[in-house]
PDB file of all heavy atoms in Angstrom:
ATOM      1  N   LEU A   1       0.858  -1.188  -0.002  1.00  0.00           N
ATOM      2  CA  LEU A   1      -0.001   0.001  -0.010  1.00  0.00           C
ATOM      3  C   LEU A   1       0.888   1.249   0.001  1.00  0.00           C
ATOM      4  O   LEU A   1       1.228   1.800   1.037  1.00  0.00           O
ATOM      5  CB  LEU A   1      -0.918  -0.019   1.226  1.00  0.00           C
ATOM      6  CG  LEU A   1      -2.072  -1.019   1.167  1.00  0.00           C
ATOM      7  CD1 LEU A   1      -2.752  -1.153   2.506  1.00  0.00           C
ATOM      8  CD2 LEU A   1      -3.080  -0.600   0.108  1.00  0.00           C
ATOM      9  N   ASP A   2       1.287   1.626  -1.203  1.00  0.00           N
ATOM     10  CA  ASP A   2       2.229   2.734  -1.386  1.00  0.00           C
ATOM     11  C   ASP A   2       1.470   3.928  -1.960  1.00  0.00           C
ATOM     12  O   ASP A   2       0.770   3.797  -2.986  1.00  0.00           O
ATOM     13  CB  ASP A   2       3.338   2.269  -2.347  1.00  0.00           C
ATOM     14  CG  ASP A   2       4.457   3.266  -2.495  1.00  0.00           C
ATOM     15  OD1 ASP A   2       4.193   4.494  -2.310  1.00  0.00           O
ATOM     16  OD2 ASP A   2       5.571   2.877  -2.814  1.00  0.00           O
ATOM     17  N   SER A   3       1.615   5.090  -1.354  1.00  0.00           N
ATOM     18  CA  SER A   3       0.859   6.253  -1.809  1.00  0.00           C
ATOM     19  C   SER A   3       1.314   6.754  -3.186  1.00  0.00           C
ATOM     20  O   SER A   3       0.597   7.534  -3.828  1.00  0.00           O
ATOM     21  CB  SER A   3       0.984   7.420  -0.805  1.00  0.00           C
ATOM     22  OG  SER A   3       2.343   7.799  -0.659  1.00  0.00           O
ATOM     23  N   THR A   4       2.482   6.293  -3.660  1.00  0.00           N
ATOM     24  CA  THR A   4       2.941   6.694  -4.992  1.00  0.00           C
ATOM     25  C   THR A   4       2.651   5.645  -6.053  1.00  0.00           C
ATOM     26  O   THR A   4       2.950   5.824  -7.218  1.00  0.00           O
ATOM     27  CB  THR A   4       4.467   6.956  -4.999  1.00  0.00           C
ATOM     28  OG1 THR A   4       5.153   5.722  -4.695  1.00  0.00           O
ATOM     29  CG2 THR A   4       4.837   7.977  -3.937  1.00  0.00           C
ATOM     30  N   TYR A   5       2.043   4.541  -5.630  1.00  0.00           N
ATOM     31  CA  TYR A   5       1.820   3.405  -6.524  1.00  0.00           C
ATOM     32  C   TYR A   5       0.537   3.603  -7.332  1.00  0.00           C
ATOM     33  O   TYR A   5      -0.516   3.860  -6.763  1.00  0.00           O
ATOM     34  CB  TYR A   5       1.749   2.134  -5.682  1.00  0.00           C
ATOM     35  CG  TYR A   5       1.285   0.880  -6.414  1.00  0.00           C
ATOM     36  CD1 TYR A   5       1.924   0.464  -7.568  1.00  0.00           C
ATOM     37  CD2 TYR A   5       0.237   0.125  -5.917  1.00  0.00           C
ATOM     38  CE1 TYR A   5       1.501  -0.691  -8.220  1.00  0.00           C
ATOM     39  CE2 TYR A   5      -0.182  -1.026  -6.561  1.00  0.00           C
ATOM     40  CZ  TYR A   5       0.459  -1.431  -7.723  1.00  0.00           C
ATOM     41  OH  TYR A   5       0.058  -2.555  -8.356  1.00  0.00           O
ATOM     42  N   ARG A   6       0.612   3.466  -8.653  1.00  0.00           N
ATOM     43  CA  ARG A   6      -0.555   3.618  -9.492  1.00  0.00           C
ATOM     44  C   ARG A   6      -1.379   2.312  -9.537  1.00  0.00           C
ATOM     45  O   ARG A   6      -2.582   2.344  -9.533  1.00  0.00           O
ATOM     46  CB  ARG A   6      -0.150   4.032 -10.902  1.00  0.00           C
ATOM     47  CG  ARG A   6       0.449   5.422 -10.961  1.00  0.00           C
ATOM     48  CD  ARG A   6      -0.549   6.485 -10.621  1.00  0.00           C
ATOM     49  NE  ARG A   6      -1.675   6.479 -11.510  1.00  0.00           N
ATOM     50  CZ  ARG A   6      -2.804   7.175 -11.320  1.00  0.00           C
ATOM     51  NH1 ARG A   6      -2.938   7.879 -10.236  1.00  0.00           N
ATOM     52  NH2 ARG A   6      -3.786   7.121 -12.185  1.00  0.00           N
ATOM     53  N   GLY A   7      -0.696   1.193  -9.685  1.00  0.00           N
ATOM     54  CA  GLY A   7      -1.307  -0.115  -9.528  1.00  0.00           C
ATOM     55  C   GLY A   7      -2.578  -0.381 -10.299  1.00  0.00           C
ATOM     56  O   GLY A   7      -2.909   0.312 -11.265  1.00  0.00           O
ATOM     57  N   ALA A   8      -3.277  -1.423  -9.915  1.00  0.00           N
ATOM     58  CA  ALA A   8      -4.491  -1.857 -10.610  1.00  0.00           C
ATOM     59  C   ALA A   8      -5.707  -1.221  -9.961  1.00  0.00           C
ATOM     60  O   ALA A   8      -6.468  -1.868  -9.239  1.00  0.00           O
ATOM     61  CB  ALA A   8      -4.583  -3.373 -10.603  1.00  0.00           C
ATOM     62  N   GLN A   9      -5.927   0.058 -10.211  1.00  0.00           N
ATOM     63  CA  GLN A   9      -7.056   0.752  -9.636  1.00  0.00           C
ATOM     64  C   GLN A   9      -8.178   0.860 -10.667  1.00  0.00           C
ATOM     65  O   GLN A   9      -7.947   0.731 -11.873  1.00  0.00           O
ATOM     66  CB  GLN A   9      -6.633   2.159  -9.196  1.00  0.00           C
ATOM     67  CG  GLN A   9      -5.417   2.183  -8.288  1.00  0.00           C
ATOM     68  CD  GLN A   9      -5.661   1.535  -6.952  1.00  0.00           C
ATOM     69  OE1 GLN A   9      -6.812   1.499  -6.475  1.00  0.00           O
ATOM     70  NE2 GLN A   9      -4.637   1.025  -6.310  1.00  0.00           N
ATOM     71  N   TYR A  10      -9.388   1.151 -10.191  1.00  0.00           N
ATOM     72  CA  TYR A  10     -10.479   1.419 -11.122  1.00  0.00           C
ATOM     73  C   TYR A  10     -10.091   2.636 -11.977  1.00  0.00           C
ATOM     74  O   TYR A  10      -9.670   3.666 -11.439  1.00  0.00           O
ATOM     75  CB  TYR A  10     -11.767   1.731 -10.351  1.00  0.00           C
ATOM     76  CG  TYR A  10     -12.456   0.526  -9.809  1.00  0.00           C
ATOM     77  CD1 TYR A  10     -12.277   0.123  -8.489  1.00  0.00           C
ATOM     78  CD2 TYR A  10     -13.303  -0.222 -10.604  1.00  0.00           C
ATOM     79  CE1 TYR A  10     -12.895  -1.006  -7.971  1.00  0.00           C
ATOM     80  CE2 TYR A  10     -13.951  -1.353 -10.083  1.00  0.00           C
ATOM     81  CZ  TYR A  10     -13.730  -1.742  -8.783  1.00  0.00           C
ATOM     82  OH  TYR A  10     -14.353  -2.842  -8.292  1.00  0.00           O
ATOM     83  N   PRO A  11     -10.221   2.531 -13.306  1.00  0.00           N
ATOM     84  CA  PRO A  11      -9.752   3.614 -14.172  1.00  0.00           C
ATOM     85  C   PRO A  11     -10.366   4.976 -13.863  1.00  0.00           C
ATOM     86  O   PRO A  11      -9.713   5.982 -14.020  1.00  0.00           O
ATOM     87  CB  PRO A  11     -10.179   3.123 -15.565  1.00  0.00           C
ATOM     88  CG  PRO A  11     -10.245   1.640 -15.442  1.00  0.00           C
ATOM     89  CD  PRO A  11     -10.729   1.379 -14.061  1.00  0.00           C
ATOM     90  N   THR A  12     -11.620   4.988 -13.416  1.00  0.00           N
ATOM     91  CA  THR A  12     -12.286   6.269 -13.155  1.00  0.00           C
ATOM     92  C   THR A  12     -12.025   6.801 -11.747  1.00  0.00           C
ATOM     93  O   THR A  12     -12.484   7.863 -11.394  1.00  0.00           O
ATOM     94  CB  THR A  12     -13.804   6.132 -13.362  1.00  0.00           C
ATOM     95  OG1 THR A  12     -14.281   5.040 -12.587  1.00  0.00           O
ATOM     96  CG2 THR A  12     -14.118   5.878 -14.823  1.00  0.00           C
ATOM     97  N   ILE A  13     -11.287   6.032 -10.941  1.00  0.00           N
ATOM     98  CA  ILE A  13     -10.993   6.461  -9.583  1.00  0.00           C
ATOM     99  C   ILE A  13      -9.523   6.816  -9.392  1.00  0.00           C
ATOM    100  O   ILE A  13      -9.189   7.828  -8.791  1.00  0.00           O
ATOM    101  CB  ILE A  13     -11.393   5.345  -8.548  1.00  0.00           C
ATOM    102  CG1 ILE A  13     -12.884   5.123  -8.593  1.00  0.00           C
ATOM    103  CG2 ILE A  13     -10.945   5.706  -7.144  1.00  0.00           C
ATOM    104  CD1 ILE A  13     -13.356   3.964  -7.724  1.00  0.00           C
ATOM    105  N   GLY A  14      -8.638   5.990  -9.937  1.00  0.00           N
ATOM    106  CA  GLY A  14      -7.217   6.259  -9.803  1.00  0.00           C
ATOM    107  C   GLY A  14      -6.671   5.788  -8.461  1.00  0.00           C
ATOM    108  O   GLY A  14      -7.315   5.033  -7.728  1.00  0.00           O
ATOM    109  N   ASN A  15      -5.478   6.252  -8.133  1.00  0.00           N
ATOM    110  CA  ASN A  15      -4.825   5.818  -6.901  1.00  0.00           C
ATOM    111  C   ASN A  15      -5.502   6.445  -5.675  1.00  0.00           C
ATOM    112  O   ASN A  15      -5.557   7.660  -5.583  1.00  0.00           O
ATOM    113  CB  ASN A  15      -3.339   6.190  -6.942  1.00  0.00           C
ATOM    114  CG  ASN A  15      -2.606   5.700  -5.723  1.00  0.00           C
ATOM    115  OD1 ASN A  15      -3.066   4.798  -5.055  1.00  0.00           O
ATOM    116  ND2 ASN A  15      -1.459   6.286  -5.435  1.00  0.00           N
ATOM    117  N   ARG A  16      -5.984   5.605  -4.778  1.00  0.00           N
ATOM    118  CA  ARG A  16      -6.701   6.101  -3.626  1.00  0.00           C
ATOM    119  C   ARG A  16      -5.964   5.845  -2.310  1.00  0.00           C
ATOM    120  O   ARG A  16      -6.551   5.958  -1.227  1.00  0.00           O
ATOM    121  CB  ARG A  16      -8.096   5.457  -3.547  1.00  0.00           C
ATOM    122  CG  ARG A  16      -8.908   5.621  -4.818  1.00  0.00           C
ATOM    123  CD  ARG A  16      -9.192   7.066  -5.170  1.00  0.00           C
ATOM    124  NE  ARG A  16     -10.089   7.675  -4.201  1.00  0.00           N
ATOM    125  CZ  ARG A  16     -10.536   8.924  -4.288  1.00  0.00           C
ATOM    126  NH1 ARG A  16     -10.147   9.667  -5.307  1.00  0.00           N
ATOM    127  NH2 ARG A  16     -11.348   9.423  -3.388  1.00  0.00           N
ATOM    128  N   VAL A  17      -4.681   5.508  -2.373  1.00  0.00           N
ATOM    129  CA  VAL A  17      -3.894   5.343  -1.162  1.00  0.00           C
ATOM    130  C   VAL A  17      -3.307   6.698  -0.803  1.00  0.00           C
ATOM    131  O   VAL A  17      -2.460   7.233  -1.516  1.00  0.00           O
ATOM    132  CB  VAL A  17      -2.762   4.315  -1.349  1.00  0.00           C
ATOM    133  CG1 VAL A  17      -1.998   4.138  -0.056  1.00  0.00           C
ATOM    134  CG2 VAL A  17      -3.318   2.983  -1.811  1.00  0.00           C
ATOM    135  N   ARG A  18      -3.762   7.260   0.289  1.00  0.00           N
ATOM    136  CA  ARG A  18      -3.311   8.599   0.685  1.00  0.00           C
ATOM    137  C   ARG A  18      -2.918   8.597   2.148  1.00  0.00           C
ATOM    138  O   ARG A  18      -3.648   8.088   2.995  1.00  0.00           O
ATOM    139  CB  ARG A  18      -4.419   9.631   0.458  1.00  0.00           C
ATOM    140  CG  ARG A  18      -4.785   9.760  -1.031  1.00  0.00           C
ATOM    141  CD  ARG A  18      -5.971  10.673  -1.252  1.00  0.00           C
ATOM    142  NE  ARG A  18      -6.287  10.786  -2.666  1.00  0.00           N
ATOM    143  CZ  ARG A  18      -7.403  11.361  -3.162  1.00  0.00           C
ATOM    144  NH1 ARG A  18      -8.286  11.848  -2.318  1.00  0.00           N
ATOM    145  NH2 ARG A  18      -7.597  11.417  -4.459  1.00  0.00           N
ATOM    146  N   TYR A  19      -1.772   9.166   2.432  1.00  0.00           N
ATOM    147  CA  TYR A  19      -1.262   9.275   3.810  1.00  0.00           C
ATOM    148  C   TYR A  19      -1.156  10.760   4.163  1.00  0.00           C
ATOM    149  O   TYR A  19      -0.731  11.580   3.333  1.00  0.00           O
ATOM    150  CB  TYR A  19       0.119   8.636   3.930  1.00  0.00           C
ATOM    151  CG  TYR A  19       0.155   7.153   3.635  1.00  0.00           C
ATOM    152  CD1 TYR A  19       1.199   6.608   2.900  1.00  0.00           C
ATOM    153  CD2 TYR A  19      -0.829   6.298   4.123  1.00  0.00           C
ATOM    154  CE1 TYR A  19       1.237   5.245   2.626  1.00  0.00           C
ATOM    155  CE2 TYR A  19      -0.788   4.948   3.857  1.00  0.00           C
ATOM    156  CZ  TYR A  19       0.261   4.428   3.095  1.00  0.00           C
ATOM    157  OH  TYR A  19       0.295   3.071   2.822  1.00  0.00           O
ATOM    158  N   HIS A  20      -1.523  11.083   5.400  1.00  0.00           N
ATOM    159  CA  HIS A  20      -1.436  12.464   5.880  1.00  0.00           C
ATOM    160  C   HIS A  20      -0.878  12.455   7.312  1.00  0.00           C
ATOM    161  O   HIS A  20      -1.462  11.840   8.195  1.00  0.00           O
ATOM    162  CB  HIS A  20      -2.801  13.119   5.878  1.00  0.00           C
ATOM    163  CG  HIS A  20      -2.821  14.489   6.458  1.00  0.00           C
ATOM    164  ND1 HIS A  20      -2.193  15.575   5.894  1.00  0.00           N
ATOM    165  CD2 HIS A  20      -3.377  14.947   7.622  1.00  0.00           C
ATOM    166  CE1 HIS A  20      -2.345  16.642   6.655  1.00  0.00           C
ATOM    167  NE2 HIS A  20      -3.065  16.288   7.690  1.00  0.00           N
ATOM    168  N   PRO A  21       0.252  13.133   7.548  1.00  0.00           N
ATOM    169  CA  PRO A  21       0.817  13.148   8.907  1.00  0.00           C
ATOM    170  C   PRO A  21       0.001  14.033   9.837  1.00  0.00           C
ATOM    171  O   PRO A  21      -0.179  15.232   9.588  1.00  0.00           O
ATOM    172  CB  PRO A  21       2.233  13.723   8.675  1.00  0.00           C
ATOM    173  CG  PRO A  21       2.118  14.544   7.434  1.00  0.00           C
ATOM    174  CD  PRO A  21       1.098  13.854   6.572  1.00  0.00           C
ATOM    175  N   LEU A  22      -0.509  13.455  10.908  1.00  0.00           N
ATOM    176  CA  LEU A  22      -1.232  14.202  11.927  1.00  0.00           C
ATOM    177  C   LEU A  22      -0.315  14.681  13.031  1.00  0.00           C
ATOM    178  O   LEU A  22      -0.441  15.774  13.565  1.00  0.00           O
ATOM    179  CB  LEU A  22      -2.359  13.347  12.515  1.00  0.00           C
ATOM    180  CG  LEU A  22      -3.456  12.928  11.549  1.00  0.00           C
ATOM    181  CD1 LEU A  22      -4.479  12.064  12.275  1.00  0.00           C
ATOM    182  CD2 LEU A  22      -4.151  14.143  10.928  1.00  0.00           C
ATOM    183  N   TYR A  23       0.632  13.801  13.416  1.00  0.00           N
ATOM    184  CA  TYR A  23       1.657  14.133  14.382  1.00  0.00           C
ATOM    185  C   TYR A  23       3.011  13.923  13.708  1.00  0.00           C
ATOM    186  O   TYR A  23       3.203  12.936  12.984  1.00  0.00           O
ATOM    187  CB  TYR A  23       1.570  13.244  15.630  1.00  0.00           C
ATOM    188  CG  TYR A  23       0.409  13.523  16.537  1.00  0.00           C
ATOM    189  CD1 TYR A  23      -0.906  13.189  16.146  1.00  0.00           C
ATOM    190  CD2 TYR A  23       0.590  14.079  17.791  1.00  0.00           C
ATOM    191  CE1 TYR A  23      -1.981  13.441  16.974  1.00  0.00           C
ATOM    192  CE2 TYR A  23      -0.486  14.337  18.639  1.00  0.00           C
ATOM    193  CZ  TYR A  23      -1.767  14.002  18.214  1.00  0.00           C
ATOM    194  OH  TYR A  23      -2.843  14.253  19.045  1.00  0.00           O
ATOM    195  N   THR A  24       3.954  14.800  13.947  1.00  0.00           N
ATOM    196  CA  THR A  24       5.275  14.665  13.354  1.00  0.00           C
ATOM    197  C   THR A  24       6.336  14.714  14.460  1.00  0.00           C
ATOM    198  O   THR A  24       6.126  15.271  15.540  1.00  0.00           O
ATOM    199  CB  THR A  24       5.558  15.777  12.342  1.00  0.00           C
ATOM    200  OG1 THR A  24       5.619  17.052  13.039  1.00  0.00           O
ATOM    201  CG2 THR A  24       4.476  15.836  11.271  1.00  0.00           C
ATOM    202  N   MET A  25       7.484  14.115  14.161  1.00  0.00           N
ATOM    203  CA  MET A  25       8.594  14.113  15.130  1.00  0.00           C
ATOM    204  C   MET A  25       9.061  15.508  15.477  1.00  0.00           C
ATOM    205  O   MET A  25       9.214  15.848  16.674  1.00  0.00           O
ATOM    206  CB  MET A  25       9.735  13.267  14.609  1.00  0.00           C
ATOM    207  CG  MET A  25       9.452  11.781  14.566  1.00  0.00           C
ATOM    208  SD  MET A  25       9.146  11.050  16.202  1.00  0.00           S
ATOM    209  CE  MET A  25      10.768  11.220  16.932  1.00  0.00           C
ATOM    210  N   PRO A  26       9.312  16.407  14.521  1.00  0.00           N
ATOM    211  CA  PRO A  26       9.817  17.755  14.873  1.00  0.00           C
ATOM    212  C   PRO A  26       8.851  18.539  15.746  1.00  0.00           C
ATOM    213  O   PRO A  26       9.236  19.238  16.669  1.00  0.00           O
ATOM    214  CB  PRO A  26      10.029  18.431  13.526  1.00  0.00           C
ATOM    215  CG  PRO A  26      10.178  17.314  12.555  1.00  0.00           C
ATOM    216  CD  PRO A  26       9.290  16.223  13.044  1.00  0.00           C
ATOM    217  N   ARG A  27       7.538  18.418  15.453  1.00  0.00           N
ATOM    218  CA  ARG A  27       6.549  19.220  16.172  1.00  0.00           C
ATOM    219  C   ARG A  27       6.027  18.544  17.440  1.00  0.00           C
ATOM    220  O   ARG A  27       5.826  19.190  18.474  1.00  0.00           O
ATOM    221  CB  ARG A  27       5.377  19.529  15.225  1.00  0.00           C
ATOM    222  CG  ARG A  27       4.352  20.505  15.808  1.00  0.00           C
ATOM    223  CD  ARG A  27       3.141  20.612  14.898  1.00  0.00           C
ATOM    224  NE  ARG A  27       2.407  19.340  14.871  1.00  0.00           N
ATOM    225  CZ  ARG A  27       1.527  19.043  13.923  1.00  0.00           C
ATOM    226  NH1 ARG A  27       1.289  19.887  12.915  1.00  0.00           N
ATOM    227  NH2 ARG A  27       0.902  17.893  13.953  1.00  0.00           N
ATOM    228  N   ASP A  28       5.808  17.212  17.345  1.00  0.00           N
ATOM    229  CA  ASP A  28       5.095  16.506  18.406  1.00  0.00           C
ATOM    230  C   ASP A  28       5.910  15.453  19.138  1.00  0.00           C
ATOM    231  O   ASP A  28       5.434  14.886  20.129  1.00  0.00           O
ATOM    232  CB  ASP A  28       3.839  15.839  17.827  1.00  0.00           C
ATOM    233  CG  ASP A  28       2.977  16.830  17.079  1.00  0.00           C
ATOM    234  OD1 ASP A  28       2.437  17.758  17.718  1.00  0.00           O
ATOM    235  OD2 ASP A  28       2.826  16.684  15.849  1.00  0.00           O
ATOM    236  N   GLY A  29       7.072  15.116  18.615  1.00  0.00           N
ATOM    237  CA  GLY A  29       7.897  14.095  19.265  1.00  0.00           C
ATOM    238  C   GLY A  29       7.439  12.667  19.016  1.00  0.00           C
ATOM    239  O   GLY A  29       7.949  11.736  19.613  1.00  0.00           O
TER     240      GLY A  29
END
């Protein structure tokens, strides 16, 4: 499950693997 991977997705949807950092080491430890 790689957020940069295009893979075998539904053609009309595309890549739906998305990651978003909520806590980060520099800010939150």
